[in-house]
Amino acid sequence: MGTLSGVVLNAKGRPVEGARVIMQTASGGAPDASTTNAHGRFFFPQLTHGYYDVRASFAGKSTDWKHNIEVRTGKQTNVTLRLSRTGRRP
């Protein structure tokens, strides 16, 4: 099993507390959600080796999907998600 973790940043590069992070397999299955902590960090533990897509949203703003993030057995994969300046919805 591997893990997927990361940080959600606002348009000014500051961490966002309380952002909703959606993660799913690259084929669109097994969706899961998390909420960022006070440091803008999120964590998805115990993922099988494979490829995943992830995105975040907060206060009417969202990040683009990050596609095909490889999670490897025994490793932690880190990603940075940046909220857009516009009010795009997930």
PDB file of N, CA and C in Angstrom:
ATOM      1  N   MET A   1       0.839  -1.181   0.000  1.00  0.00           N
ATOM      2  CA  MET A   1       0.000   0.000   0.000  1.00  0.00           C
ATOM      3  C   MET A   1       0.885   1.246   0.000  1.00  0.00           C
ATOM      4  N   GLY A   2       0.361   2.315  -0.601  1.00  0.00           N
ATOM      5  CA  GLY A   2       1.056   3.591  -0.629  1.00  0.00           C
ATOM      6  C   GLY A   2       0.138   4.689  -0.116  1.00  0.00           C
ATOM      7  N   THR A   3       0.646   5.896  -0.068  1.00  0.00           N
ATOM      8  CA  THR A   3      -0.158   7.023   0.395  1.00  0.00           C
ATOM      9  C   THR A   3      -0.081   8.173  -0.596  1.00  0.00           C
ATOM     10  N   LEU A   4      -1.124   8.996  -0.584  1.00  0.00           N
ATOM     11  CA  LEU A   4      -1.192  10.203  -1.397  1.00  0.00           C
ATOM     12  C   LEU A   4      -1.451  11.357  -0.445  1.00  0.00           C
ATOM     13  N   SER A   5      -0.569  12.332  -0.457  1.00  0.00           N
ATOM     14  CA  SER A   5      -0.733  13.476   0.421  1.00  0.00           C
ATOM     15  C   SER A   5      -0.373  14.739  -0.346  1.00  0.00           C
ATOM     16  N   GLY A   6      -0.661  15.863   0.277  1.00  0.00           N
ATOM     17  CA  GLY A   6      -0.316  17.110  -0.387  1.00  0.00           C
ATOM     18  C   GLY A   6      -0.822  18.317   0.358  1.00  0.00           C
ATOM     19  N   VAL A   7      -0.789  19.440  -0.348  1.00  0.00           N
ATOM     20  CA  VAL A   7      -1.193  20.714   0.228  1.00  0.00           C
ATOM     21  C   VAL A   7      -2.067  21.447  -0.789  1.00  0.00           C
ATOM     22  N   VAL A   8      -3.052  22.187  -0.263  1.00  0.00           N
ATOM     23  CA  VAL A   8      -3.887  23.055  -1.092  1.00  0.00           C
ATOM     24  C   VAL A   8      -3.500  24.495  -0.777  1.00  0.00           C
ATOM     25  N   LEU A   9      -3.179  25.244  -1.836  1.00  0.00           N
ATOM     26  CA  LEU A   9      -2.762  26.635  -1.694  1.00  0.00           C
ATOM     27  C   LEU A   9      -3.772  27.551  -2.379  1.00  0.00           C
ATOM     28  N   ASN A  10      -3.920  28.774  -1.845  1.00  0.00           N
ATOM     29  CA  ASN A  10      -4.775  29.751  -2.508  1.00  0.00           C
ATOM     30  C   ASN A  10      -3.989  30.423  -3.633  1.00  0.00           C
ATOM     31  N   ALA A  11      -4.619  31.374  -4.312  1.00  0.00           N
ATOM     32  CA  ALA A  11      -3.986  32.038  -5.458  1.00  0.00           C
ATOM     33  C   ALA A  11      -2.726  32.805  -5.064  1.00  0.00           C
ATOM     34  N   LYS A  12      -2.598  33.151  -3.778  1.00  0.00           N
ATOM     35  CA  LYS A  12      -1.419  33.869  -3.296  1.00  0.00           C
ATOM     36  C   LYS A  12      -0.349  32.931  -2.740  1.00  0.00           C
ATOM     37  N   GLY A  13      -0.606  31.617  -2.829  1.00  0.00           N
ATOM     38  CA  GLY A  13       0.374  30.640  -2.379  1.00  0.00           C
ATOM     39  C   GLY A  13       0.315  30.313  -0.900  1.00  0.00           C
ATOM     40  N   ARG A  14      -0.778  30.691  -0.241  1.00  0.00           N
ATOM     41  CA  ARG A  14      -0.937  30.396   1.190  1.00  0.00           C
ATOM     42  C   ARG A  14      -1.772  29.135   1.384  1.00  0.00           C
ATOM     43  N   PRO A  15      -1.469  28.339   2.414  1.00  0.00           N
ATOM     44  CA  PRO A  15      -2.234  27.119   2.681  1.00  0.00           C
ATOM     45  C   PRO A  15      -3.700  27.435   2.992  1.00  0.00           C
ATOM     46  N   VAL A  16      -4.590  26.531   2.554  1.00  0.00           N
ATOM     47  CA  VAL A  16      -6.033  26.707   2.749  1.00  0.00           C
ATOM     48  C   VAL A  16      -6.538  25.643   3.717  1.00  0.00           C
ATOM     49  N   GLU A  17      -7.021  26.082   4.867  1.00  0.00           N
ATOM     50  CA  GLU A  17      -7.630  25.176   5.837  1.00  0.00           C
ATOM     51  C   GLU A  17      -9.080  24.942   5.462  1.00  0.00           C
ATOM     52  N   GLY A  18      -9.538  23.699   5.564  1.00  0.00           N
ATOM     53  CA  GLY A  18     -10.940  23.375   5.327  1.00  0.00           C
ATOM     54  C   GLY A  18     -11.317  23.146   3.871  1.00  0.00           C
ATOM     55  N   ALA A  19     -10.340  23.033   2.970  1.00  0.00           N
ATOM     56  CA  ALA A  19     -10.645  22.729   1.569  1.00  0.00           C
ATOM     57  C   ALA A  19     -11.060  21.260   1.457  1.00  0.00           C
ATOM     58  N   ARG A  20     -11.996  20.993   0.572  1.00  0.00           N
ATOM     59  CA  ARG A  20     -12.428  19.615   0.314  1.00  0.00           C
ATOM     60  C   ARG A  20     -11.579  19.064  -0.830  1.00  0.00           C
ATOM     61  N   VAL A  21     -10.976  17.909  -0.602  1.00  0.00           N
ATOM     62  CA  VAL A  21     -10.118  17.274  -1.601  1.00  0.00           C
ATOM     63  C   VAL A  21     -10.782  15.970  -2.024  1.00  0.00           C
ATOM     64  N   ILE A  22     -10.970  15.817  -3.327  1.00  0.00           N
ATOM     65  CA  ILE A  22     -11.570  14.606  -3.899  1.00  0.00           C
ATOM     66  C   ILE A  22     -10.466  13.816  -4.589  1.00  0.00           C
ATOM     67  N   MET A  23     -10.435  12.510  -4.341  1.00  0.00           N
ATOM     68  CA  MET A  23      -9.462  11.616  -4.952  1.00  0.00           C
ATOM     69  C   MET A  23     -10.230  10.440  -5.529  1.00  0.00           C
ATOM     70  N   GLN A  24      -9.812   9.978  -6.701  1.00  0.00           N
ATOM     71  CA  GLN A  24     -10.405   8.800  -7.312  1.00  0.00           C
ATOM     72  C   GLN A  24      -9.346   8.097  -8.145  1.00  0.00           C
ATOM     73  N   THR A  25      -9.627   6.841  -8.500  1.00  0.00           N
ATOM     74  CA  THR A  25      -8.700   6.159  -9.394  1.00  0.00           C
ATOM     75  C   THR A  25      -8.736   6.868 -10.748  1.00  0.00           C
ATOM     76  N   ALA A  26      -7.701   6.710 -11.531  1.00  0.00           N
ATOM     77  CA  ALA A  26      -7.631   7.369 -12.833  1.00  0.00           C
ATOM     78  C   ALA A  26      -8.759   6.922 -13.752  1.00  0.00           C
ATOM     79  N   SER A  27      -9.347   5.765 -13.489  1.00  0.00           N
ATOM     80  CA  SER A  27     -10.483   5.294 -14.293  1.00  0.00           C
ATOM     81  C   SER A  27     -11.811   5.826 -13.770  1.00  0.00           C
ATOM     82  N   GLY A  28     -11.755   6.641 -12.708  1.00  0.00           N
ATOM     83  CA  GLY A  28     -12.966   7.255 -12.158  1.00  0.00           C
ATOM     84  C   GLY A  28     -13.634   6.478 -11.038  1.00  0.00           C
ATOM     85  N   GLY A  29     -13.027   5.404 -10.590  1.00  0.00           N
ATOM     86  CA  GLY A  29     -13.621   4.583  -9.537  1.00  0.00           C
ATOM     87  C   GLY A  29     -13.100   4.914  -8.156  1.00  0.00           C
ATOM     88  N   ALA A  30     -13.747   4.327  -7.169  1.00  0.00           N
ATOM     89  CA  ALA A  30     -13.342   4.403  -5.764  1.00  0.00           C
ATOM     90  C   ALA A  30     -13.110   5.831  -5.279  1.00  0.00           C
ATOM     91  N   PRO A  31     -14.085   6.729  -5.473  1.00  0.00           N
ATOM     92  CA  PRO A  31     -13.872   8.106  -5.004  1.00  0.00           C
ATOM     93  C   PRO A  31     -13.794   8.172  -3.476  1.00  0.00           C
ATOM     94  N   ASP A  32     -13.026   9.130  -3.006  1.00  0.00           N
ATOM     95  CA  ASP A  32     -12.879   9.363  -1.574  1.00  0.00           C
ATOM     96  C   ASP A  32     -12.663  10.864  -1.390  1.00  0.00           C
ATOM     97  N   ALA A  33     -12.925  11.359  -0.190  1.00  0.00           N
ATOM     98  CA  ALA A  33     -12.771  12.790   0.075  1.00  0.00           C
ATOM     99  C   ALA A  33     -12.053  12.997   1.400  1.00  0.00           C
ATOM    100  N   SER A  34     -11.417  14.135   1.505  1.00  0.00           N
ATOM    101  CA  SER A  34     -10.702  14.531   2.707  1.00  0.00           C
ATOM    102  C   SER A  34     -10.846  16.039   2.859  1.00  0.00           C
ATOM    103  N   THR A  35     -10.524  16.539   4.027  1.00  0.00           N
ATOM    104  CA  THR A  35     -10.538  17.980   4.289  1.00  0.00           C
ATOM    105  C   THR A  35      -9.160  18.392   4.770  1.00  0.00           C
ATOM    106  N   THR A  36      -8.676  19.529   4.277  1.00  0.00           N
ATOM    107  CA  THR A  36      -7.335  19.975   4.663  1.00  0.00           C
ATOM    108  C   THR A  36      -7.306  20.455   6.115  1.00  0.00           C
ATOM    109  N   ASN A  37      -6.149  20.298   6.738  1.00  0.00           N
ATOM    110  CA  ASN A  37      -5.957  20.733   8.123  1.00  0.00           C
ATOM    111  C   ASN A  37      -5.546  22.216   8.164  1.00  0.00           C
ATOM    112  N   ALA A  38      -5.150  22.686   9.327  1.00  0.00           N
ATOM    113  CA  ALA A  38      -4.783  24.098   9.513  1.00  0.00           C
ATOM    114  C   ALA A  38      -3.593  24.521   8.659  1.00  0.00           C
ATOM    115  N   HIS A  39      -2.830  23.565   8.173  1.00  0.00           N
ATOM    116  CA  HIS A  39      -1.661  23.855   7.337  1.00  0.00           C
ATOM    117  C   HIS A  39      -1.935  23.603   5.850  1.00  0.00           C
ATOM    118  N   GLY A  40      -3.217  23.362   5.518  1.00  0.00           N
ATOM    119  CA  GLY A  40      -3.591  23.109   4.135  1.00  0.00           C
ATOM    120  C   GLY A  40      -3.250  21.719   3.645  1.00  0.00           C
ATOM    121  N   ARG A  41      -2.893  20.818   4.553  1.00  0.00           N
ATOM    122  CA  ARG A  41      -2.440  19.470   4.189  1.00  0.00           C
ATOM    123  C   ARG A  41      -3.603  18.480   4.160  1.00  0.00           C
ATOM    124  N   PHE A  42      -3.505  17.505   3.262  1.00  0.00           N
ATOM    125  CA  PHE A  42      -4.459  16.398   3.195  1.00  0.00           C
ATOM    126  C   PHE A  42      -3.685  15.097   3.068  1.00  0.00           C
ATOM    127  N   PHE A  43      -4.385  13.969   3.312  1.00  0.00           N
ATOM    128  CA  PHE A  43      -3.718  12.683   3.356  1.00  0.00           C
ATOM    129  C   PHE A  43      -4.711  11.575   3.023  1.00  0.00           C
ATOM    130  N   PHE A  44      -4.349  10.709   2.081  1.00  0.00           N
ATOM    131  CA  PHE A  44      -5.121   9.511   1.761  1.00  0.00           C
ATOM    132  C   PHE A  44      -4.212   8.308   1.984  1.00  0.00           C
ATOM    133  N   PRO A  45      -4.437   7.553   3.062  1.00  0.00           N
ATOM    134  CA  PRO A  45      -3.575   6.399   3.363  1.00  0.00           C
ATOM    135  C   PRO A  45      -4.072   5.124   2.681  1.00  0.00           C
ATOM    136  N   GLN A  46      -3.238   4.113   2.712  1.00  0.00           N
ATOM    137  CA  GLN A  46      -3.602   2.753   2.321  1.00  0.00           C
ATOM    138  C   GLN A  46      -4.186   2.643   0.918  1.00  0.00           C
ATOM    139  N   LEU A  47      -3.500   3.234  -0.065  1.00  0.00           N
ATOM    140  CA  LEU A  47      -3.931   3.120  -1.461  1.00  0.00           C
ATOM    141  C   LEU A  47      -3.133   2.022  -2.155  1.00  0.00           C
ATOM    142  N   THR A  48      -3.817   1.273  -2.990  1.00  0.00           N
ATOM    143  CA  THR A  48      -3.122   0.250  -3.766  1.00  0.00           C
ATOM    144  C   THR A  48      -2.282   0.922  -4.850  1.00  0.00           C
ATOM    145  N   HIS A  49      -1.239   0.236  -5.284  1.00  0.00           N
ATOM    146  CA  HIS A  49      -0.399   0.773  -6.354  1.00  0.00           C
ATOM    147  C   HIS A  49      -1.262   1.045  -7.579  1.00  0.00           C
ATOM    148  N   GLY A  50      -1.118   2.231  -8.137  1.00  0.00           N
ATOM    149  CA  GLY A  50      -1.894   2.585  -9.314  1.00  0.00           C
ATOM    150  C   GLY A  50      -1.867   4.077  -9.567  1.00  0.00           C
ATOM    151  N   TYR A  51      -2.782   4.509 -10.432  1.00  0.00           N
ATOM    152  CA  TYR A  51      -2.837   5.916 -10.845  1.00  0.00           C
ATOM    153  C   TYR A  51      -4.132   6.545 -10.340  1.00  0.00           C
ATOM    154  N   TYR A  52      -4.025   7.783  -9.851  1.00  0.00           N
ATOM    155  CA  TYR A  52      -5.139   8.473  -9.218  1.00  0.00           C
ATOM    156  C   TYR A  52      -5.270   9.898  -9.755  1.00  0.00           C
ATOM    157  N   ASP A  53      -6.494  10.423  -9.659  1.00  0.00           N
ATOM    158  CA  ASP A  53      -6.787  11.810  -9.998  1.00  0.00           C
ATOM    159  C   ASP A  53      -7.221  12.515  -8.728  1.00  0.00           C
ATOM    160  N   VAL A  54      -6.869  13.791  -8.601  1.00  0.00           N
ATOM    161  CA  VAL A  54      -7.206  14.539  -7.389  1.00  0.00           C
ATOM    162  C   VAL A  54      -7.491  15.997  -7.742  1.00  0.00           C
ATOM    163  N   ARG A  55      -8.413  16.601  -6.962  1.00  0.00           N
ATOM    164  CA  ARG A  55      -8.713  18.026  -7.102  1.00  0.00           C
ATOM    165  C   ARG A  55      -9.258  18.527  -5.780  1.00  0.00           C
ATOM    166  N   ALA A  56      -9.244  19.852  -5.598  1.00  0.00           N
ATOM    167  CA  ALA A  56      -9.720  20.453  -4.354  1.00  0.00           C
ATOM    168  C   ALA A  56     -10.674  21.602  -4.662  1.00  0.00           C
ATOM    169  N   SER A  57     -11.527  21.914  -3.687  1.00  0.00           N
ATOM    170  CA  SER A  57     -12.419  23.062  -3.809  1.00  0.00           C
ATOM    171  C   SER A  57     -12.582  23.722  -2.448  1.00  0.00           C
ATOM    172  N   PHE A  58     -12.853  25.037  -2.494  1.00  0.00           N
ATOM    173  CA  PHE A  58     -13.050  25.807  -1.262  1.00  0.00           C
ATOM    174  C   PHE A  58     -13.702  27.135  -1.631  1.00  0.00           C
ATOM    175  N   ALA A  59     -14.777  27.468  -0.955  1.00  0.00           N
ATOM    176  CA  ALA A  59     -15.447  28.771  -1.092  1.00  0.00           C
ATOM    177  C   ALA A  59     -15.722  29.141  -2.554  1.00  0.00           C
ATOM    178  N   GLY A  60     -16.235  28.174  -3.331  1.00  0.00           N
ATOM    179  CA  GLY A  60     -16.598  28.442  -4.711  1.00  0.00           C
ATOM    180  C   GLY A  60     -15.453  28.431  -5.702  1.00  0.00           C
ATOM    181  N   LYS A  61     -14.252  28.155  -5.244  1.00  0.00           N
ATOM    182  CA  LYS A  61     -13.087  28.070  -6.131  1.00  0.00           C
ATOM    183  C   LYS A  61     -12.609  26.625  -6.150  1.00  0.00           C
ATOM    184  N   SER A  62     -11.933  26.262  -7.223  1.00  0.00           N
ATOM    185  CA  SER A  62     -11.442  24.891  -7.312  1.00  0.00           C
ATOM    186  C   SER A  62     -10.096  24.849  -8.014  1.00  0.00           C
ATOM    187  N   THR A  63      -9.454  23.711  -7.863  1.00  0.00           N
ATOM    188  CA  THR A  63      -8.212  23.463  -8.593  1.00  0.00           C
ATOM    189  C   THR A  63      -8.564  22.697  -9.855  1.00  0.00           C
ATOM    190  N   ASP A  64      -7.640  22.657 -10.795  1.00  0.00           N
ATOM    191  CA  ASP A  64      -7.787  21.752 -11.923  1.00  0.00           C
ATOM    192  C   ASP A  64      -7.559  20.337 -11.404  1.00  0.00           C
ATOM    193  N   TRP A  65      -8.099  19.355 -12.118  1.00  0.00           N
ATOM    194  CA  TRP A  65      -7.781  17.969 -11.790  1.00  0.00           C
ATOM    195  C   TRP A  65      -6.303  17.724 -12.071  1.00  0.00           C
ATOM    196  N   LYS A  66      -5.636  17.045 -11.163  1.00  0.00           N
ATOM    197  CA  LYS A  66      -4.303  16.504 -11.436  1.00  0.00           C
ATOM    198  C   LYS A  66      -4.543  15.039 -11.761  1.00  0.00           C
ATOM    199  N   HIS A  67      -4.176  14.656 -12.987  1.00  0.00           N
ATOM    200  CA  HIS A  67      -4.476  13.313 -13.478  1.00  0.00           C
ATOM    201  C   HIS A  67      -3.259  12.396 -13.435  1.00  0.00           C
ATOM    202  N   ASN A  68      -3.563  11.116 -13.301  1.00  0.00           N
ATOM    203  CA  ASN A  68      -2.561  10.046 -13.418  1.00  0.00           C
ATOM    204  C   ASN A  68      -1.378  10.216 -12.469  1.00  0.00           C
ATOM    205  N   ILE A  69      -1.687  10.508 -11.223  1.00  0.00           N
ATOM    206  CA  ILE A  69      -0.660  10.581 -10.188  1.00  0.00           C
ATOM    207  C   ILE A  69      -0.353   9.144  -9.753  1.00  0.00           C
ATOM    208  N   GLU A  70       0.882   8.739  -9.911  1.00  0.00           N
ATOM    209  CA  GLU A  70       1.229   7.362  -9.566  1.00  0.00           C
ATOM    210  C   GLU A  70       1.501   7.224  -8.073  1.00  0.00           C
ATOM    211  N   VAL A  71       0.788   6.291  -7.456  1.00  0.00           N
ATOM    212  CA  VAL A  71       1.030   5.921  -6.060  1.00  0.00           C
ATOM    213  C   VAL A  71       1.693   4.552  -6.092  1.00  0.00           C
ATOM    214  N   ARG A  72       2.857   4.474  -5.455  1.00  0.00           N
ATOM    215  CA  ARG A  72       3.627   3.229  -5.443  1.00  0.00           C
ATOM    216  C   ARG A  72       3.572   2.576  -4.074  1.00  0.00           C
ATOM    217  N   THR A  73       3.645   1.275  -4.074  1.00  0.00           N
ATOM    218  CA  THR A  73       3.645   0.502  -2.843  1.00  0.00           C
ATOM    219  C   THR A  73       4.810   0.924  -1.958  1.00  0.00           C
ATOM    220  N   GLY A  74       4.522   1.193  -0.697  1.00  0.00           N
ATOM    221  CA  GLY A  74       5.556   1.558   0.265  1.00  0.00           C
ATOM    222  C   GLY A  74       6.058   2.981   0.148  1.00  0.00           C
ATOM    223  N   LYS A  75       5.450   3.793  -0.691  1.00  0.00           N
ATOM    224  CA  LYS A  75       5.910   5.169  -0.914  1.00  0.00           C
ATOM    225  C   LYS A  75       4.796   6.168  -0.604  1.00  0.00           C
ATOM    226  N   GLN A  76       5.210   7.392  -0.308  1.00  0.00           N
ATOM    227  CA  GLN A  76       4.269   8.501  -0.163  1.00  0.00           C
ATOM    228  C   GLN A  76       4.435   9.418  -1.369  1.00  0.00           C
ATOM    229  N   THR A  77       3.343   9.689  -2.057  1.00  0.00           N
ATOM    230  CA  THR A  77       3.337  10.589  -3.205  1.00  0.00           C
ATOM    231  C   THR A  77       2.743  11.912  -2.760  1.00  0.00           C
ATOM    232  N   ASN A  78       3.426  13.014  -3.072  1.00  0.00           N
ATOM    233  CA  ASN A  78       2.975  14.345  -2.662  1.00  0.00           C
ATOM    234  C   ASN A  78       2.574  15.178  -3.871  1.00  0.00           C
ATOM    235  N   VAL A  79       1.493  15.947  -3.716  1.00  0.00           N
ATOM    236  CA  VAL A  79       1.037  16.849  -4.771  1.00  0.00           C
ATOM    237  C   VAL A  79       0.693  18.207  -4.163  1.00  0.00           C
ATOM    238  N   THR A  80       0.806  19.238  -4.987  1.00  0.00           N
ATOM    239  CA  THR A  80       0.393  20.582  -4.604  1.00  0.00           C
ATOM    240  C   THR A  80      -0.759  20.982  -5.505  1.00  0.00           C
ATOM    241  N   LEU A  81      -1.850  21.429  -4.888  1.00  0.00           N
ATOM    242  CA  LEU A  81      -3.030  21.876  -5.623  1.00  0.00           C
ATOM    243  C   LEU A  81      -3.218  23.362  -5.370  1.00  0.00           C
ATOM    244  N   ARG A  82      -3.425  24.155  -6.440  1.00  0.00           N
ATOM    245  CA  ARG A  82      -3.615  25.598  -6.323  1.00  0.00           C
ATOM    246  C   ARG A  82      -5.020  25.983  -6.759  1.00  0.00           C
ATOM    247  N   LEU A  83      -5.717  26.684  -5.861  1.00  0.00           N
ATOM    248  CA  LEU A  83      -7.061  27.175  -6.184  1.00  0.00           C
ATOM    249  C   LEU A  83      -6.975  28.259  -7.231  1.00  0.00           C
ATOM    250  N   SER A  84      -7.942  28.283  -8.113  1.00  0.00           N
ATOM    251  CA  SER A  84      -7.960  29.299  -9.178  1.00  0.00           C
ATOM    252  C   SER A  84      -8.377  30.655  -8.623  1.00  0.00           C
ATOM    253  N   ARG A  85      -8.076  31.685  -9.371  1.00  0.00           N
ATOM    254  CA  ARG A  85      -8.506  33.033  -9.002  1.00  0.00           C
ATOM    255  C   ARG A  85      -9.974  33.249  -9.325  1.00  0.00           C
ATOM    256  N   THR A  86     -10.520  32.468 -10.250  1.00  0.00           N
ATOM    257  CA  THR A  86     -11.910  32.607 -10.633  1.00  0.00           C
ATOM    258  C   THR A  86     -12.771  31.652  -9.841  1.00  0.00           C
ATOM    259  N   GLY A  87     -14.049  31.789  -9.967  1.00  0.00           N
ATOM    260  CA  GLY A  87     -14.985  30.984  -9.200  1.00  0.00           C
ATOM    261  C   GLY A  87     -15.434  29.711  -9.891  1.00  0.00           C
ATOM    262  N   ARG A  88     -14.523  28.989 -10.555  1.00  0.00           N
ATOM    263  CA  ARG A  88     -14.901  27.739 -11.197  1.00  0.00           C
ATOM    264  C   ARG A  88     -15.388  26.739 -10.161  1.00  0.00           C
ATOM    265  N   ARG A  89     -16.388  25.999 -10.524  1.00  0.00           N
ATOM    266  CA  ARG A  89     -16.921  24.952  -9.649  1.00  0.00           C
ATOM    267  C   ARG A  89     -16.349  23.597 -10.041  1.00  0.00           C
ATOM    268  N   PRO A  90     -16.152  22.720  -9.042  1.00  0.00           N
ATOM    269  CA  PRO A  90     -15.681  21.365  -9.364  1.00  0.00           C
ATOM    270  C   PRO A  90     -16.736  20.562 -10.092  1.00  0.00           C
TER     271      PRO A  90
END
